[in-house]
Amino acid sequence: MSLISLGTGAPLRLRIHAGLRPTVKEEAGDQRPLKPKRVPKTVPLFPEAGTVSTAEARSERLARQVVQLILMNRINVEILERFNRMGIHDWWLTAGGLYQTVWNLRSGRPSWQSIKDYDVVYFSEDITWEAEDQVIRDCEALFSDLNAVIKVRNQSRVHLWYENKFGVAYPELHNATEGIMRFPMRAEAIAIKRTGDEFLDLFIPFGLDDVWNLIMTPNRTLPLAHVYADKAERFQKEWPTLTIHPWADDER
């Protein structure tokens, strides 16, 4: 199993959670709850020789390469090192702070360039605004010395405000990873967290090809074509070599 260093303390063992795609139809307007058939499988990054296929070994090497690039952004490292102090079990650092770090470094840019904010999602059964606001305030204090915007959101409350913001109904979630699997583009669906003193967990329900190769591919779990189009227009200017797949395969 591969060891990954955050720069302080003992190296952590990297665990990969491949996850599953949402078991809902991709047609616009289908809002049935996501119901995974099984818990995401955790596999060792480098098992004994001969126990995995060449394709699996290649995927695991790619995971290590991506994580190493993610950790070249100091903000990501600080979040991973500190967030466990919040005492929240189900949490993940996700989205732009991760894949955009990789896109930047793969494009010869500084790791932090053009990253507007760093998303941390967590799940708490307390759906009151007061409870979430307290977590947000505590995080502001925890990361006050960092020159970065760290956006923290309780996934149990997303269905309460999502439609007003994006014009799309959103189902009630049951854990933090369900929200990650509903992001409008597959490259966004990458998440990482430190688990205790031993593990660094990586959640990649759609794999890492888009993250590594600067590709935008739509995730049509929710009808968010307008959100995807806005991202595509903005990202094409930031990363000119980005490959963008259209929301509608036949452009109709």
C-alpha atoms as a PDB file:
ATOM      1  CA  MET A   1       0.000   0.000   0.000  1.00  0.00           C
ATOM      2  CA  SER A   2       1.341   3.417  -0.965  1.00  0.00           C
ATOM      3  CA  LEU A   3       2.422   5.893   1.690  1.00  0.00           C
ATOM      4  CA  ILE A   4       1.629   9.588   1.209  1.00  0.00           C
ATOM      5  CA  SER A   5       3.188  12.357   3.264  1.00  0.00           C
ATOM      6  CA  LEU A   6       1.377  15.563   4.172  1.00  0.00           C
ATOM      7  CA  GLY A   7       4.677  17.100   5.176  1.00  0.00           C
ATOM      8  CA  THR A   8       4.314  16.629   8.935  1.00  0.00           C
ATOM      9  CA  GLY A   9       4.070  13.488  11.009  1.00  0.00           C
ATOM     10  CA  ALA A  10       4.179   9.922   9.798  1.00  0.00           C
ATOM     11  CA  PRO A  11       3.187   9.116   6.192  1.00  0.00           C
ATOM     12  CA  LEU A  12      -0.433   8.072   5.638  1.00  0.00           C
ATOM     13  CA  ARG A  13      -1.661   5.010   3.763  1.00  0.00           C
ATOM     14  CA  LEU A  14      -3.712   5.912   0.700  1.00  0.00           C
ATOM     15  CA  ARG A  15      -7.064   4.143   0.327  1.00  0.00           C
ATOM     16  CA  ILE A  16      -9.117   4.395  -2.869  1.00  0.00           C
ATOM     17  CA  HIS A  17     -12.911   4.416  -2.756  1.00  0.00           C
ATOM     18  CA  ALA A  18     -14.020   3.917  -6.331  1.00  0.00           C
ATOM     19  CA  GLY A  19     -17.693   4.403  -5.538  1.00  0.00           C
ATOM     20  CA  LEU A  20     -20.657   3.862  -7.800  1.00  0.00           C
ATOM     21  CA  ARG A  21     -22.477   6.030 -10.278  1.00  0.00           C
ATOM     22  CA  PRO A  22     -25.873   7.241  -9.067  1.00  0.00           C
ATOM     23  CA  THR A  23     -28.596   4.701  -9.711  1.00  0.00           C
ATOM     24  CA  VAL A  24     -30.976   7.227 -11.260  1.00  0.00           C
ATOM     25  CA  LYS A  25     -31.856   7.893 -14.873  1.00  0.00           C
ATOM     26  CA  GLU A  26     -29.999  10.739 -16.538  1.00  0.00           C
ATOM     27  CA  GLU A  27     -33.055  12.205 -18.228  1.00  0.00           C
ATOM     28  CA  ALA A  28     -33.703  15.790 -17.191  1.00  0.00           C
ATOM     29  CA  GLY A  29     -36.181  16.122 -14.381  1.00  0.00           C
ATOM     30  CA  ASP A  30     -35.717  12.640 -12.882  1.00  0.00           C
ATOM     31  CA  GLN A  31     -35.265  13.333  -9.189  1.00  0.00           C
ATOM     32  CA  ARG A  32     -35.466   9.853  -7.657  1.00  0.00           C
ATOM     33  CA  PRO A  33     -33.185   9.402  -4.622  1.00  0.00           C
ATOM     34  CA  LEU A  34     -29.747   7.982  -5.166  1.00  0.00           C
ATOM     35  CA  LYS A  35     -29.608   4.424  -3.849  1.00  0.00           C
ATOM     36  CA  PRO A  36     -26.170   2.811  -4.043  1.00  0.00           C
ATOM     37  CA  LYS A  37     -26.225  -0.965  -4.362  1.00  0.00           C
ATOM     38  CA  ARG A  38     -23.158  -1.345  -2.204  1.00  0.00           C
ATOM     39  CA  VAL A  39     -20.645   0.609  -0.163  1.00  0.00           C
ATOM     40  CA  PRO A  40     -17.742   1.992  -2.245  1.00  0.00           C
ATOM     41  CA  LYS A  41     -14.987  -0.592  -2.360  1.00  0.00           C
ATOM     42  CA  THR A  42     -11.681   0.227  -0.718  1.00  0.00           C
ATOM     43  CA  VAL A  43      -8.618  -1.300  -2.371  1.00  0.00           C
ATOM     44  CA  PRO A  44      -4.913  -1.057  -1.565  1.00  0.00           C
ATOM     45  CA  LEU A  45      -2.993   1.242  -3.876  1.00  0.00           C
ATOM     46  CA  PHE A  46      -0.183  -1.233  -4.543  1.00  0.00           C
ATOM     47  CA  PRO A  47      -1.192  -4.806  -3.641  1.00  0.00           C
ATOM     48  CA  GLU A  48       1.136  -7.741  -4.038  1.00  0.00           C
ATOM     49  CA  ALA A  49       2.357  -8.439  -7.565  1.00  0.00           C
ATOM     50  CA  GLY A  50       0.041 -10.636  -9.590  1.00  0.00           C
ATOM     51  CA  THR A  51      -3.107  -9.906  -7.566  1.00  0.00           C
ATOM     52  CA  VAL A  52      -4.502  -7.157  -9.810  1.00  0.00           C
ATOM     53  CA  SER A  53      -4.803  -6.608 -13.524  1.00  0.00           C
ATOM     54  CA  THR A  54      -2.547  -4.240 -15.459  1.00  0.00           C
ATOM     55  CA  ALA A  55      -5.480  -1.839 -15.836  1.00  0.00           C
ATOM     56  CA  GLU A  56      -6.094  -1.811 -12.079  1.00  0.00           C
ATOM     57  CA  ALA A  57      -2.422  -1.201 -11.350  1.00  0.00           C
ATOM     58  CA  ARG A  58      -2.382   1.666 -13.848  1.00  0.00           C
ATOM     59  CA  SER A  59      -5.443   3.236 -12.194  1.00  0.00           C
ATOM     60  CA  GLU A  60      -3.840   2.952  -8.782  1.00  0.00           C
ATOM     61  CA  ARG A  61      -0.615   4.584  -9.984  1.00  0.00           C
ATOM     62  CA  LEU A  62      -2.676   7.408 -11.450  1.00  0.00           C
ATOM     63  CA  ALA A  63      -4.406   7.892  -8.102  1.00  0.00           C
ATOM     64  CA  ARG A  64      -1.051   8.317  -6.379  1.00  0.00           C
ATOM     65  CA  GLN A  65       0.104  10.815  -9.017  1.00  0.00           C
ATOM     66  CA  VAL A  66      -3.081  12.873  -8.689  1.00  0.00           C
ATOM     67  CA  VAL A  67      -2.889  12.932  -4.895  1.00  0.00           C
ATOM     68  CA  GLN A  68       0.747  14.015  -5.009  1.00  0.00           C
ATOM     69  CA  LEU A  69      -0.213  16.972  -7.218  1.00  0.00           C
ATOM     70  CA  ILE A  70      -3.153  17.870  -4.962  1.00  0.00           C
ATOM     71  CA  LEU A  71      -0.764  18.027  -2.010  1.00  0.00           C
ATOM     72  CA  MET A  72       1.480  20.489  -3.829  1.00  0.00           C
ATOM     73  CA  ASN A  73      -1.177  23.091  -3.004  1.00  0.00           C
ATOM     74  CA  ARG A  74      -0.487  24.183   0.581  1.00  0.00           C
ATOM     75  CA  ILE A  75      -4.144  25.095   1.204  1.00  0.00           C
ATOM     76  CA  ASN A  76      -5.247  21.524   0.511  1.00  0.00           C
ATOM     77  CA  VAL A  77      -2.619  20.190   2.906  1.00  0.00           C
ATOM     78  CA  GLU A  78      -3.645  22.569   5.685  1.00  0.00           C
ATOM     79  CA  ILE A  79      -7.322  21.636   5.347  1.00  0.00           C
ATOM     80  CA  LEU A  80      -6.514  17.938   5.452  1.00  0.00           C
ATOM     81  CA  GLU A  81      -4.284  18.413   8.479  1.00  0.00           C
ATOM     82  CA  ARG A  82      -6.690  20.556  10.495  1.00  0.00           C
ATOM     83  CA  PHE A  83     -10.302  19.701   9.697  1.00  0.00           C
ATOM     84  CA  ASN A  84     -10.456  16.631  11.935  1.00  0.00           C
ATOM     85  CA  ARG A  85     -10.179  19.024  14.871  1.00  0.00           C
ATOM     86  CA  MET A  86     -13.827  19.894  14.138  1.00  0.00           C
ATOM     87  CA  GLY A  87     -14.872  16.472  15.433  1.00  0.00           C
ATOM     88  CA  ILE A  88     -16.946  15.692  12.328  1.00  0.00           C
ATOM     89  CA  HIS A  89     -16.744  12.116  11.039  1.00  0.00           C
ATOM     90  CA  ASP A  90     -18.389  12.322   7.586  1.00  0.00           C
ATOM     91  CA  TRP A  91     -16.491  15.077   5.774  1.00  0.00           C
ATOM     92  CA  TRP A  92     -14.524  15.506   2.543  1.00  0.00           C
ATOM     93  CA  LEU A  93     -12.385  18.146   0.844  1.00  0.00           C
ATOM     94  CA  THR A  94     -13.729  18.167  -2.705  1.00  0.00           C
ATOM     95  CA  ALA A  95     -14.312  19.861  -6.071  1.00  0.00           C
ATOM     96  CA  GLY A  96     -12.356  22.842  -7.413  1.00  0.00           C
ATOM     97  CA  GLY A  97      -9.542  22.987  -4.901  1.00  0.00           C
ATOM     98  CA  LEU A  98      -8.579  19.473  -5.990  1.00  0.00           C
ATOM     99  CA  TYR A  99      -9.123  19.098  -9.733  1.00  0.00           C
ATOM    100  CA  GLN A 100      -8.163  22.703 -10.485  1.00  0.00           C
ATOM    101  CA  THR A 101      -4.904  22.237  -8.590  1.00  0.00           C
ATOM    102  CA  VAL A 102      -4.136  19.286 -10.875  1.00  0.00           C
ATOM    103  CA  TRP A 103      -5.205  21.226 -13.998  1.00  0.00           C
ATOM    104  CA  ASN A 104      -2.983  24.130 -12.978  1.00  0.00           C
ATOM    105  CA  LEU A 105       0.113  22.034 -12.394  1.00  0.00           C
ATOM    106  CA  ARG A 106      -0.467  19.993 -15.538  1.00  0.00           C
ATOM    107  CA  SER A 107      -0.706  23.284 -17.459  1.00  0.00           C
ATOM    108  CA  GLY A 108       2.469  24.765 -16.011  1.00  0.00           C
ATOM    109  CA  ARG A 109       0.634  27.214 -13.740  1.00  0.00           C
ATOM    110  CA  PRO A 110       1.007  27.773  -9.984  1.00  0.00           C
ATOM    111  CA  SER A 111      -1.044  25.234  -8.031  1.00  0.00           C
ATOM    112  CA  TRP A 112      -3.334  27.859  -6.512  1.00  0.00           C
ATOM    113  CA  GLN A 113      -3.994  30.038  -9.582  1.00  0.00           C
ATOM    114  CA  SER A 114      -7.651  30.978 -10.291  1.00  0.00           C
ATOM    115  CA  ILE A 115      -9.045  28.745  -7.528  1.00  0.00           C
ATOM    116  CA  LYS A 116     -11.904  30.819  -6.111  1.00  0.00           C
ATOM    117  CA  ASP A 117     -12.609  28.668  -3.072  1.00  0.00           C
ATOM    118  CA  TYR A 118     -12.014  25.313  -1.430  1.00  0.00           C
ATOM    119  CA  ASP A 119     -15.081  23.171  -0.772  1.00  0.00           C
ATOM    120  CA  VAL A 120     -15.507  21.041   2.311  1.00  0.00           C
ATOM    121  CA  VAL A 121     -18.715  19.014   2.516  1.00  0.00           C
ATOM    122  CA  TYR A 122     -19.874  17.228   5.629  1.00  0.00           C
ATOM    123  CA  PHE A 123     -22.994  15.459   6.840  1.00  0.00           C
ATOM    124  CA  SER A 124     -24.790  16.129  10.074  1.00  0.00           C
ATOM    125  CA  GLU A 125     -28.328  15.091  10.949  1.00  0.00           C
ATOM    126  CA  ASP A 126     -28.860  18.484  12.550  1.00  0.00           C
ATOM    127  CA  ILE A 127     -30.421  20.391   9.636  1.00  0.00           C
ATOM    128  CA  THR A 128     -30.856  23.694  11.445  1.00  0.00           C
ATOM    129  CA  TRP A 129     -29.190  26.744   9.937  1.00  0.00           C
ATOM    130  CA  GLU A 130     -27.852  27.645  13.378  1.00  0.00           C
ATOM    131  CA  ALA A 131     -25.873  24.386  13.596  1.00  0.00           C
ATOM    132  CA  GLU A 132     -24.372  24.785  10.131  1.00  0.00           C
ATOM    133  CA  ASP A 133     -23.589  28.425  10.775  1.00  0.00           C
ATOM    134  CA  GLN A 134     -21.697  27.454  13.914  1.00  0.00           C
ATOM    135  CA  VAL A 135     -19.581  24.980  11.921  1.00  0.00           C
ATOM    136  CA  ILE A 136     -18.893  27.692   9.333  1.00  0.00           C
ATOM    137  CA  ARG A 137     -17.821  30.123  12.043  1.00  0.00           C
ATOM    138  CA  ASP A 138     -15.620  27.540  13.735  1.00  0.00           C
ATOM    139  CA  CYS A 139     -13.934  26.819  10.391  1.00  0.00           C
ATOM    140  CA  GLU A 140     -13.360  30.502   9.779  1.00  0.00           C
ATOM    141  CA  ALA A 141     -11.462  30.621  13.047  1.00  0.00           C
ATOM    142  CA  LEU A 142      -9.621  27.361  12.341  1.00  0.00           C
ATOM    143  CA  PHE A 143      -8.376  28.561   8.948  1.00  0.00           C
ATOM    144  CA  SER A 144      -8.140  32.279   9.645  1.00  0.00           C
ATOM    145  CA  ASP A 145      -4.427  32.394   8.840  1.00  0.00           C
ATOM    146  CA  LEU A 146      -4.865  30.974   5.326  1.00  0.00           C
ATOM    147  CA  ASN A 147      -5.194  33.275   2.349  1.00  0.00           C
ATOM    148  CA  ALA A 148      -8.080  31.299   0.896  1.00  0.00           C
ATOM    149  CA  VAL A 149     -11.873  31.088   0.900  1.00  0.00           C
ATOM    150  CA  ILE A 150     -12.931  27.787   2.454  1.00  0.00           C
ATOM    151  CA  LYS A 151     -16.597  27.007   1.851  1.00  0.00           C
ATOM    152  CA  VAL A 152     -18.146  24.510   4.267  1.00  0.00           C
ATOM    153  CA  ARG A 153     -21.637  23.066   3.698  1.00  0.00           C
ATOM    154  CA  ASN A 154     -23.767  20.495   5.497  1.00  0.00           C
ATOM    155  CA  GLN A 155     -25.101  18.073   2.867  1.00  0.00           C
ATOM    156  CA  SER A 156     -28.177  17.243   4.935  1.00  0.00           C
ATOM    157  CA  ARG A 157     -29.436  20.797   4.277  1.00  0.00           C
ATOM    158  CA  VAL A 158     -28.770  21.117   0.528  1.00  0.00           C
ATOM    159  CA  HIS A 159     -32.307  20.141  -0.471  1.00  0.00           C
ATOM    160  CA  LEU A 160     -33.604  23.097   1.550  1.00  0.00           C
ATOM    161  CA  TRP A 161     -31.890  25.786  -0.563  1.00  0.00           C
ATOM    162  CA  TYR A 162     -30.693  24.215  -3.818  1.00  0.00           C
ATOM    163  CA  GLU A 163     -33.820  24.814  -5.907  1.00  0.00           C
ATOM    164  CA  ASN A 164     -33.934  28.506  -5.018  1.00  0.00           C
ATOM    165  CA  LYS A 165     -30.314  28.913  -6.125  1.00  0.00           C
ATOM    166  CA  PHE A 166     -30.176  26.676  -9.212  1.00  0.00           C
ATOM    167  CA  GLY A 167     -33.810  26.243 -10.242  1.00  0.00           C
ATOM    168  CA  VAL A 168     -33.646  22.449  -9.861  1.00  0.00           C
ATOM    169  CA  ALA A 169     -35.271  20.292  -7.180  1.00  0.00           C
ATOM    170  CA  TYR A 170     -32.770  18.383  -5.055  1.00  0.00           C
ATOM    171  CA  PRO A 171     -33.365  15.151  -3.122  1.00  0.00           C
ATOM    172  CA  GLU A 172     -32.681  14.757   0.560  1.00  0.00           C
ATOM    173  CA  LEU A 173     -29.254  13.211   1.068  1.00  0.00           C
ATOM    174  CA  HIS A 174     -28.099  10.612   3.584  1.00  0.00           C
ATOM    175  CA  ASN A 175     -24.321  11.112   3.567  1.00  0.00           C
ATOM    176  CA  ALA A 176     -21.717  13.498   2.201  1.00  0.00           C
ATOM    177  CA  THR A 177     -20.623  11.383  -0.761  1.00  0.00           C
ATOM    178  CA  GLU A 178     -24.123  11.392  -2.263  1.00  0.00           C
ATOM    179  CA  GLY A 179     -23.760  15.118  -2.808  1.00  0.00           C
ATOM    180  CA  ILE A 180     -20.345  14.716  -4.442  1.00  0.00           C
ATOM    181  CA  MET A 181     -21.851  12.287  -6.965  1.00  0.00           C
ATOM    182  CA  ARG A 182     -24.346  14.951  -8.079  1.00  0.00           C
ATOM    183  CA  PHE A 183     -21.883  17.628  -9.165  1.00  0.00           C
ATOM    184  CA  PRO A 184     -22.588  18.717 -12.786  1.00  0.00           C
ATOM    185  CA  MET A 185     -19.218  17.584 -14.172  1.00  0.00           C
ATOM    186  CA  ARG A 186     -17.340  14.383 -13.496  1.00  0.00           C
ATOM    187  CA  ALA A 187     -13.977  15.992 -12.774  1.00  0.00           C
ATOM    188  CA  GLU A 188     -15.602  17.745  -9.805  1.00  0.00           C
ATOM    189  CA  ALA A 189     -16.491  14.404  -8.246  1.00  0.00           C
ATOM    190  CA  ILE A 190     -13.195  13.878  -6.497  1.00  0.00           C
ATOM    191  CA  ALA A 191     -12.816  14.067  -2.740  1.00  0.00           C
ATOM    192  CA  ILE A 192     -10.118  13.430  -0.184  1.00  0.00           C
ATOM    193  CA  LYS A 193      -9.858  13.404   3.593  1.00  0.00           C
ATOM    194  CA  ARG A 194      -7.543  12.353   6.360  1.00  0.00           C
ATOM    195  CA  THR A 195      -8.961   9.551   8.480  1.00  0.00           C
ATOM    196  CA  GLY A 196      -7.321   9.325  11.868  1.00  0.00           C
ATOM    197  CA  ASP A 197      -3.548   9.074  12.106  1.00  0.00           C
ATOM    198  CA  GLU A 198      -3.187   6.313   9.537  1.00  0.00           C
ATOM    199  CA  PHE A 199      -5.197   6.832   6.360  1.00  0.00           C
ATOM    200  CA  LEU A 200      -5.709   9.279   3.520  1.00  0.00           C
ATOM    201  CA  ASP A 201      -8.973   8.399   1.765  1.00  0.00           C
ATOM    202  CA  LEU A 202      -9.668   9.223  -1.891  1.00  0.00           C
ATOM    203  CA  PHE A 203     -13.237   9.088  -3.257  1.00  0.00           C
ATOM    204  CA  ILE A 204     -13.430   8.942  -7.078  1.00  0.00           C
ATOM    205  CA  PRO A 205     -16.847   7.691  -8.299  1.00  0.00           C
ATOM    206  CA  PHE A 206     -16.072   8.559 -11.944  1.00  0.00           C
ATOM    207  CA  GLY A 207     -12.380   7.773 -11.917  1.00  0.00           C
ATOM    208  CA  LEU A 208      -9.530  10.216 -12.548  1.00  0.00           C
ATOM    209  CA  ASP A 209      -9.144  10.400 -16.328  1.00  0.00           C
ATOM    210  CA  ASP A 210     -10.935  13.761 -16.579  1.00  0.00           C
ATOM    211  CA  VAL A 211      -8.923  15.221 -13.719  1.00  0.00           C
ATOM    212  CA  TRP A 212      -5.581  14.091 -15.107  1.00  0.00           C
ATOM    213  CA  ASN A 213      -6.250  14.847 -18.784  1.00  0.00           C
ATOM    214  CA  LEU A 214      -8.026  18.227 -18.426  1.00  0.00           C
ATOM    215  CA  ILE A 215     -11.417  17.036 -19.628  1.00  0.00           C
ATOM    216  CA  MET A 216     -14.929  18.301 -18.879  1.00  0.00           C
ATOM    217  CA  THR A 217     -17.580  15.585 -19.118  1.00  0.00           C
ATOM    218  CA  PRO A 218     -21.151  16.236 -17.957  1.00  0.00           C
ATOM    219  CA  ASN A 219     -22.686  14.327 -15.085  1.00  0.00           C
ATOM    220  CA  ARG A 220     -26.395  14.371 -15.979  1.00  0.00           C
ATOM    221  CA  THR A 221     -27.713  13.105 -12.656  1.00  0.00           C
ATOM    222  CA  LEU A 222     -29.453  16.484 -12.292  1.00  0.00           C
ATOM    223  CA  PRO A 223     -30.649  18.741 -15.155  1.00  0.00           C
ATOM    224  CA  LEU A 224     -27.897  21.334 -14.749  1.00  0.00           C
ATOM    225  CA  ALA A 225     -27.006  22.104 -18.362  1.00  0.00           C
ATOM    226  CA  HIS A 226     -26.985  25.849 -17.623  1.00  0.00           C
ATOM    227  CA  VAL A 227     -24.539  25.422 -14.742  1.00  0.00           C
ATOM    228  CA  TYR A 228     -22.322  23.201 -16.874  1.00  0.00           C
ATOM    229  CA  ALA A 229     -22.344  25.732 -19.740  1.00  0.00           C
ATOM    230  CA  ASP A 230     -21.292  28.557 -17.414  1.00  0.00           C
ATOM    231  CA  LYS A 231     -18.413  26.479 -16.081  1.00  0.00           C
ATOM    232  CA  ALA A 232     -17.329  25.468 -19.594  1.00  0.00           C
ATOM    233  CA  GLU A 233     -17.175  29.074 -20.771  1.00  0.00           C
ATOM    234  CA  ARG A 234     -15.170  30.192 -17.757  1.00  0.00           C
ATOM    235  CA  PHE A 235     -12.830  27.196 -17.669  1.00  0.00           C
ATOM    236  CA  GLN A 236     -11.988  27.327 -21.375  1.00  0.00           C
ATOM    237  CA  LYS A 237     -10.497  30.777 -20.798  1.00  0.00           C
ATOM    238  CA  GLU A 238      -8.496  29.602 -17.782  1.00  0.00           C
ATOM    239  CA  TRP A 239      -7.257  26.339 -19.300  1.00  0.00           C
ATOM    240  CA  PRO A 240      -7.185  26.720 -23.114  1.00  0.00           C
ATOM    241  CA  THR A 241      -6.145  23.093 -23.649  1.00  0.00           C
ATOM    242  CA  LEU A 242      -9.244  21.845 -21.817  1.00  0.00           C
ATOM    243  CA  THR A 243     -11.356  19.319 -23.739  1.00  0.00           C
ATOM    244  CA  ILE A 244     -15.065  20.036 -23.241  1.00  0.00           C
ATOM    245  CA  HIS A 245     -17.744  17.473 -24.031  1.00  0.00           C
ATOM    246  CA  PRO A 246     -21.194  18.982 -24.680  1.00  0.00           C
ATOM    247  CA  TRP A 247     -24.006  18.464 -22.210  1.00  0.00           C
ATOM    248  CA  ALA A 248     -26.186  16.950 -24.942  1.00  0.00           C
ATOM    249  CA  ASP A 249     -24.358  14.282 -26.914  1.00  0.00           C
ATOM    250  CA  ASP A 250     -26.133  15.205 -30.155  1.00  0.00           C
ATOM    251  CA  GLU A 251     -26.289  18.961 -29.355  1.00  0.00           C
ATOM    252  CA  ARG A 252     -30.066  18.986 -29.813  1.00  0.00           C
END
